[in-house]
């Protein structure tokens, strides 16, 4: 932190990003910013590395920290004093991320983020995030306890050597027992900057499997084989079965705009079917970066997820519990 008027948000450079331009590095990390917007931040003197204001053409080095300085804003008190630990050893920490908090600090939220909560919870060592989950997505989130392990894991994630399974409650009776979607994903380019669209951009592949269904809603397993922004949500919306409660991909994102403007109402949330998007990172499997042994980490569904499923007659409490065994 710097002074009382500003907050500095750190971004650590990992090995796969070694020696790339600063503006390209930050554009890859700031999902809500274009490269031009990043360059404007740099031009305004708000980006620092090695103790001084940086230039867009500066080449970042693995292991160093890049800071963006934002005006400090008043935040609501964080509702979490600590987060549930799913797995921990000398190299790794996996937590069950609750819905409603960001993985990383941004210009709008610092205290209500996973990294800041864990900094308070585990003050005796520094944690390094190696991937992220959307604010409204719950489930398994993995962090490293050293830069060395973080660098290895970033390469593992980049090379798609991690098995990830998500569970989603979708609108409608999902008609396929199994379905593979190979459709590119890129920015929609309309009035919501963060909204993605299927059919353009980078190649993306997701494997879906129907787990349970009623006449109106289905529980679906999603296994992304690529790592595009909002990939599961975009592919499900493309199929015509959007994630229940998804403000961004139901009804052209009108609820998302209302949420940003803080004008969203209970009636709007009822129309979406849930207060948040019903997407949960259920399982993460990989080879341990030090031992090479297989490691699988699971996170049970949160209460709001279970409550939504239990509300539909054809999706019984017994069938829900059987899936969790």
Protein backbone atom coordinates (compact mmCIF):
# COMPACT_ATOMS: atom_id res chain seq x y z
CA UNK A 1 0.00 0.00 0.00
CA UNK A 2 1.16 3.55 -0.70
CA UNK A 3 -0.18 6.44 1.39
CA UNK A 4 -3.79 6.84 2.43
CA UNK A 5 -5.19 8.01 -0.92
CA UNK A 6 -4.05 5.11 -3.08
CA UNK A 7 -3.96 1.35 -3.12
CA UNK A 8 -1.37 -0.60 -5.09
CA UNK A 9 -2.57 -3.84 -6.70
CA UNK A 10 0.29 -6.32 -7.36
CA UNK A 11 0.69 -8.63 -10.37
CA UNK A 12 3.47 -11.20 -10.25
CA UNK A 13 5.20 -12.16 -13.49
CA UNK A 14 5.41 -15.91 -14.00
CA UNK A 15 7.88 -17.83 -16.15
CA UNK A 16 5.61 -18.21 -19.23
CA UNK A 17 5.33 -14.38 -19.34
CA UNK A 18 9.07 -13.74 -19.05
CA UNK A 19 10.47 -10.98 -21.29
CA UNK A 20 7.16 -9.84 -22.84
CA UNK A 21 6.17 -6.18 -23.06
CA UNK A 22 4.60 -4.66 -19.97
CA UNK A 23 1.43 -3.57 -21.78
CA UNK A 24 0.92 -7.09 -23.17
CA UNK A 25 1.53 -8.63 -19.74
CA UNK A 26 -1.05 -6.42 -18.02
CA UNK A 27 -3.59 -6.77 -20.86
CA UNK A 28 -3.41 -10.55 -20.33
CA UNK A 29 -4.01 -10.17 -16.59
CA UNK A 30 -6.65 -7.41 -16.60
CA UNK A 31 -9.66 -9.04 -18.20
CA UNK A 32 -11.76 -5.86 -18.14
CA UNK A 33 -9.10 -3.74 -19.87
CA UNK A 34 -8.05 -3.58 -23.52
CA UNK A 35 -4.40 -3.09 -24.44
CA UNK A 36 -5.16 0.57 -25.24
CA UNK A 37 -6.69 1.06 -21.78
CA UNK A 38 -3.62 -0.55 -20.20
CA UNK A 39 -1.39 1.80 -22.18
CA UNK A 40 -3.43 4.73 -20.85
CA UNK A 41 -2.83 3.53 -17.27
CA UNK A 42 0.90 3.38 -17.99
CA UNK A 43 0.87 6.81 -19.68
CA UNK A 44 -0.86 8.28 -16.61
CA UNK A 45 2.04 7.10 -14.43
CA UNK A 46 -0.06 4.57 -12.49
CA UNK A 47 2.03 1.46 -13.26
CA UNK A 48 5.22 0.76 -11.31
CA UNK A 49 7.95 -1.85 -11.36
CA UNK A 50 11.41 -1.94 -9.80
CA UNK A 51 10.48 1.10 -7.69
CA UNK A 52 9.67 3.48 -10.53
CA UNK A 53 6.99 4.34 -13.07
CA UNK A 54 7.22 2.02 -16.05
CA UNK A 55 6.89 2.35 -19.82
CA UNK A 56 4.67 0.23 -22.07
CA UNK A 57 7.69 -1.15 -23.93
CA UNK A 58 9.41 -2.32 -20.73
CA UNK A 59 10.17 -6.06 -20.75
CA UNK A 60 8.95 -7.79 -17.61
CA UNK A 61 11.02 -10.51 -15.97
CA UNK A 62 9.79 -13.69 -14.29
CA UNK A 63 9.54 -13.25 -10.53
CA UNK A 64 9.17 -9.49 -10.44
CA UNK A 65 6.07 -7.64 -9.25
CA UNK A 66 4.21 -5.05 -11.30
CA UNK A 67 1.99 -2.63 -9.35
CA UNK A 68 -0.99 -0.63 -10.56
CA UNK A 69 -1.89 2.34 -8.37
CA UNK A 70 -5.61 3.08 -8.01
CA UNK A 71 -7.41 5.77 -5.99
CA UNK A 72 -8.45 4.23 -2.70
CA UNK A 73 -12.19 3.59 -2.45
CA UNK A 74 -14.33 2.86 0.57
CA UNK A 75 -15.16 -0.84 0.68
CA UNK A 76 -17.77 -2.72 2.63
CA UNK A 77 -16.41 -4.92 5.40
CA UNK A 78 -15.32 -8.32 4.20
CA UNK A 79 -17.86 -11.02 5.21
CA UNK A 80 -15.11 -13.67 5.53
CA UNK A 81 -12.45 -13.78 8.23
CA UNK A 82 -10.97 -16.94 6.72
CA UNK A 83 -11.57 -19.40 3.90
CA UNK A 84 -12.07 -23.16 4.05
CA UNK A 85 -8.87 -25.08 3.32
CA UNK A 86 -9.35 -28.16 1.10
CA UNK A 87 -5.69 -29.22 0.87
CA UNK A 88 -2.34 -28.00 2.17
CA UNK A 89 1.28 -29.18 2.12
CA UNK A 90 4.69 -27.49 2.07
CA UNK A 91 4.15 -26.29 -1.53
CA UNK A 92 0.43 -25.89 -2.11
CA UNK A 93 -2.74 -24.47 -0.60
CA UNK A 94 -6.19 -25.17 -2.06
CA UNK A 95 -9.24 -23.36 -0.74
CA UNK A 96 -12.98 -23.58 -1.34
CA UNK A 97 -13.70 -20.14 -2.77
CA UNK A 98 -17.10 -18.76 -1.79
CA UNK A 99 -19.25 -17.09 -4.42
CA UNK A 100 -19.28 -13.30 -4.25
CA UNK A 101 -15.59 -12.52 -3.80
CA UNK A 102 -12.91 -11.88 -6.39
CA UNK A 103 -9.82 -14.05 -6.74
CA UNK A 104 -7.51 -11.01 -7.06
CA UNK A 105 -7.63 -7.34 -6.02
CA UNK A 106 -8.90 -4.80 -8.56
CA UNK A 107 -9.41 -1.05 -8.67
CA UNK A 108 -12.83 -1.57 -7.05
CA UNK A 109 -12.15 -4.31 -4.51
CA UNK A 110 -9.11 -5.13 -2.37
CA UNK A 111 -10.29 -6.40 1.04
CA UNK A 112 -13.03 -8.59 -0.41
CA UNK A 113 -10.66 -10.78 -2.42
CA UNK A 114 -9.21 -14.25 -1.91
CA UNK A 115 -5.61 -13.06 -1.86
CA UNK A 116 -6.24 -10.41 0.82
CA UNK A 117 -8.30 -12.73 3.03
CA UNK A 118 -5.58 -15.40 2.83
CA UNK A 119 -2.90 -12.80 3.53
CA UNK A 120 -4.62 -12.17 6.86
CA UNK A 121 -5.36 -15.85 7.46
CA UNK A 122 -1.80 -17.07 6.71
CA UNK A 123 0.48 -14.21 7.68
CA UNK A 124 3.55 -16.45 8.14
CA UNK A 125 4.08 -17.14 4.43
CA UNK A 126 3.29 -15.56 1.06
CA UNK A 127 0.85 -17.19 -1.32
CA UNK A 128 0.99 -17.00 -5.11
CA UNK A 129 -2.24 -17.44 -7.14
CA UNK A 130 -1.81 -19.63 -10.22
CA UNK A 131 -5.33 -19.39 -11.71
CA UNK A 132 -8.61 -17.62 -10.95
CA UNK A 133 -12.36 -18.08 -10.69
CA UNK A 134 -15.01 -15.50 -11.58
CA UNK A 135 -16.47 -13.52 -8.69
CA UNK A 136 -19.75 -15.47 -8.66
CA UNK A 137 -18.15 -18.89 -9.22
CA UNK A 138 -17.46 -21.03 -6.15
CA UNK A 139 -15.13 -23.98 -5.65
CA UNK A 140 -11.53 -25.20 -5.82
CA UNK A 141 -8.87 -22.51 -6.09
CA UNK A 142 -5.18 -23.43 -5.97
CA UNK A 143 -2.29 -21.27 -4.75
CA UNK A 144 1.45 -21.88 -4.45
CA UNK A 145 3.60 -21.19 -1.40
CA UNK A 146 6.70 -20.14 -3.35
CA UNK A 147 7.58 -18.41 -6.60
CA UNK A 148 9.34 -21.56 -7.77
CA UNK A 149 6.22 -23.70 -7.41
CA UNK A 150 4.01 -20.91 -8.79
CA UNK A 151 6.15 -20.74 -11.92
CA UNK A 152 5.88 -24.51 -12.44
CA UNK A 153 2.12 -24.48 -11.92
CA UNK A 154 1.59 -21.56 -14.29
CA UNK A 155 3.28 -23.58 -17.02
CA UNK A 156 1.18 -26.62 -16.10
CA UNK A 157 -2.03 -24.58 -16.42
CA UNK A 158 -0.78 -22.89 -19.60
CA UNK A 159 0.03 -26.27 -21.16
CA UNK A 160 -3.42 -27.63 -20.21
CA UNK A 161 -2.00 -30.35 -17.99
CA UNK A 162 -4.66 -29.76 -15.34
CA UNK A 163 -7.97 -31.63 -15.28
CA UNK A 164 -10.84 -29.34 -14.23
CA UNK A 165 -14.45 -30.30 -13.67
CA UNK A 166 -17.17 -27.75 -13.00
CA UNK A 167 -20.80 -28.32 -12.10
CA UNK A 168 -23.43 -25.96 -13.47
CA UNK A 169 -27.17 -25.66 -12.99
CA UNK A 170 -28.57 -24.63 -16.38
CA UNK A 171 -31.94 -23.41 -17.58
CA UNK A 172 -33.86 -26.07 -19.50
CA UNK A 173 -33.77 -29.84 -19.86
CA UNK A 174 -30.28 -30.48 -21.23
CA UNK A 175 -31.03 -32.92 -24.10
CA UNK A 176 -27.64 -34.59 -24.42
CA UNK A 177 -26.22 -37.23 -22.09
CA UNK A 178 -22.82 -36.12 -23.33
CA UNK A 179 -21.94 -33.20 -25.61
CA UNK A 180 -18.62 -31.83 -26.91
CA UNK A 181 -18.56 -28.19 -28.01
CA UNK A 182 -15.67 -26.97 -30.17
CA UNK A 183 -16.57 -23.36 -30.97
CA UNK A 184 -14.19 -20.36 -30.85
CA UNK A 185 -14.71 -17.63 -28.26
CA UNK A 186 -13.82 -13.94 -28.47
CA UNK A 187 -15.00 -10.51 -27.37
CA UNK A 188 -18.54 -9.72 -28.45
CA UNK A 189 -17.59 -6.11 -29.17
CA UNK A 190 -20.91 -4.55 -28.22
CA UNK A 191 -21.88 -2.42 -25.21
CA UNK A 192 -20.51 -4.75 -22.47
CA UNK A 193 -16.72 -4.91 -22.69
CA UNK A 194 -16.28 -8.13 -20.70
CA UNK A 195 -19.01 -10.09 -22.55
CA UNK A 196 -17.70 -12.85 -24.83
CA UNK A 197 -19.35 -14.43 -27.86
CA UNK A 198 -19.20 -17.87 -29.44
CA UNK A 199 -18.26 -18.29 -33.10
CA UNK A 200 -15.34 -15.87 -33.26
CA UNK A 201 -11.89 -15.51 -31.71
CA UNK A 202 -9.73 -18.29 -30.24
CA UNK A 203 -10.48 -22.01 -30.48
CA UNK A 204 -12.23 -23.39 -27.41
CA UNK A 205 -13.36 -26.88 -26.41
CA UNK A 206 -15.62 -28.00 -23.56
CA UNK A 207 -16.95 -31.45 -22.73
CA UNK A 208 -20.40 -31.53 -21.12
CA UNK A 209 -22.27 -34.35 -19.41
CA UNK A 210 -25.82 -34.30 -18.03
CA UNK A 211 -25.88 -35.44 -14.40
CA UNK A 212 -29.50 -34.74 -13.38
CA UNK A 213 -32.45 -33.00 -14.97
CA UNK A 214 -36.02 -31.86 -14.44
CA UNK A 215 -38.43 -30.35 -16.95
CA UNK A 216 -37.06 -26.86 -16.38
CA UNK A 217 -33.48 -27.20 -15.07
CA UNK A 218 -30.48 -29.52 -15.39
CA UNK A 219 -27.29 -30.23 -13.50
CA UNK A 220 -24.40 -30.46 -15.95
CA UNK A 221 -20.74 -31.41 -15.61
CA UNK A 222 -18.36 -29.25 -17.66
CA UNK A 223 -14.75 -30.13 -18.44
CA UNK A 224 -12.96 -27.28 -20.24
CA UNK A 225 -10.09 -28.37 -22.47
CA UNK A 226 -9.01 -24.79 -23.13
CA UNK A 227 -8.97 -21.74 -20.86
CA UNK A 228 -10.90 -18.97 -22.57
CA UNK A 229 -12.59 -16.19 -20.59
CA UNK A 230 -16.07 -17.29 -19.42
CA UNK A 231 -15.67 -20.41 -21.57
CA UNK A 232 -18.20 -22.70 -19.86
CA UNK A 233 -20.80 -19.98 -19.54
CA UNK A 234 -20.41 -18.90 -23.19
CA UNK A 235 -20.58 -22.45 -24.55
CA UNK A 236 -23.68 -23.25 -22.48
CA UNK A 237 -25.39 -20.05 -23.63
CA UNK A 238 -24.41 -20.93 -27.21
CA UNK A 239 -26.15 -24.31 -26.82
CA UNK A 240 -29.25 -22.53 -25.54
CA UNK A 241 -28.90 -23.65 -21.91
CA UNK A 242 -27.35 -20.73 -20.01
CA UNK A 243 -26.19 -21.02 -16.42
CA UNK A 244 -28.99 -20.24 -13.98
CA UNK A 245 -28.51 -16.78 -12.48
CA UNK A 246 -25.92 -15.68 -15.05
CA UNK A 247 -26.35 -11.91 -15.28
CA UNK A 248 -24.00 -11.58 -18.24
CA UNK A 249 -25.28 -14.29 -20.58
CA UNK A 250 -29.04 -14.31 -19.95
CA UNK A 251 -31.18 -11.75 -21.85
CA UNK A 252 -28.23 -9.99 -23.53
CA UNK A 253 -26.60 -9.06 -20.23
CA UNK A 254 -29.20 -6.51 -19.13
CA UNK A 255 -29.03 -7.74 -15.53
CA UNK A 256 -25.24 -7.37 -15.58
CA UNK A 257 -25.52 -3.71 -16.57
CA UNK A 258 -28.01 -3.16 -13.77
CA UNK A 259 -25.69 -4.88 -11.29
CA UNK A 260 -22.80 -2.64 -12.37
CA UNK A 261 -25.02 0.43 -11.99
CA UNK A 262 -26.31 -0.95 -8.66
CA UNK A 263 -29.90 -0.75 -9.83
CA UNK A 264 -30.61 -4.48 -9.96
CA UNK A 265 -33.75 -5.50 -8.04
CA UNK A 266 -35.06 -8.63 -6.36
CA UNK A 267 -37.47 -8.96 -9.27
CA UNK A 268 -34.52 -9.00 -11.70
CA UNK A 269 -32.80 -11.71 -9.66
CA UNK A 270 -36.00 -13.76 -9.54
CA UNK A 271 -36.21 -13.55 -13.34
CA UNK A 272 -32.67 -14.97 -13.53
CA UNK A 273 -33.65 -17.86 -11.25
CA UNK A 274 -30.86 -17.34 -8.70
CA UNK A 275 -29.00 -14.51 -6.98
CA UNK A 276 -25.70 -15.56 -8.56
CA UNK A 277 -24.55 -17.74 -11.42
CA UNK A 278 -24.85 -21.40 -10.40
CA UNK A 279 -21.35 -22.49 -11.45
CA UNK A 280 -19.06 -24.42 -9.10
CA UNK A 281 -15.45 -25.58 -9.59
CA UNK A 282 -15.97 -29.11 -8.29
CA UNK A 283 -12.65 -30.85 -8.96
CA UNK A 284 -9.03 -30.07 -9.85
CA UNK A 285 -6.54 -32.83 -10.71
CA UNK A 286 -2.87 -32.54 -11.61
CA UNK A 287 0.56 -34.01 -10.96
CA UNK A 288 2.12 -32.54 -7.82
CA UNK A 289 4.77 -30.02 -8.95
CA UNK A 290 7.39 -31.40 -6.56
CA UNK A 291 6.69 -35.13 -6.22
CA UNK A 292 5.00 -35.81 -9.56
CA UNK A 293 2.35 -37.87 -7.78
CA UNK A 294 -1.31 -37.50 -8.85
CA UNK A 295 -3.30 -35.02 -6.77
CA UNK A 296 -7.07 -34.56 -6.86
CA UNK A 297 -8.86 -31.86 -4.88
CA UNK A 298 -12.64 -31.60 -4.60
CA UNK A 299 -15.00 -29.00 -3.17
CA UNK A 300 -18.55 -29.97 -2.15
CA UNK A 301 -21.37 -27.79 -3.41
CA UNK A 302 -22.16 -24.71 -1.31
CA UNK A 303 -25.52 -24.42 0.42
CA UNK A 304 -27.09 -22.08 -2.14
CA UNK A 305 -26.22 -24.54 -4.93
CA UNK A 306 -27.77 -27.46 -3.04
CA UNK A 307 -30.84 -25.38 -2.18
CA UNK A 308 -31.51 -24.55 -5.82
CA UNK A 309 -31.24 -28.21 -6.84
CA UNK A 310 -33.46 -29.37 -4.02
CA UNK A 311 -36.20 -26.95 -5.08
CA UNK A 312 -37.09 -28.97 -8.17
CA UNK A 313 -39.23 -32.07 -7.76
CA UNK A 314 -37.54 -34.26 -10.36
CA UNK A 315 -34.12 -33.46 -8.92
CA UNK A 316 -34.57 -35.11 -5.54
CA UNK A 317 -32.51 -34.60 -2.41
CA UNK A 318 -31.54 -38.29 -2.62
CA UNK A 319 -30.22 -37.97 -6.16
CA UNK A 320 -28.28 -34.84 -5.21
CA UNK A 321 -26.67 -36.51 -2.21
CA UNK A 322 -25.79 -39.61 -4.25
CA UNK A 323 -23.71 -37.49 -6.61
CA UNK A 324 -21.71 -36.07 -3.73
CA UNK A 325 -20.71 -39.47 -2.30
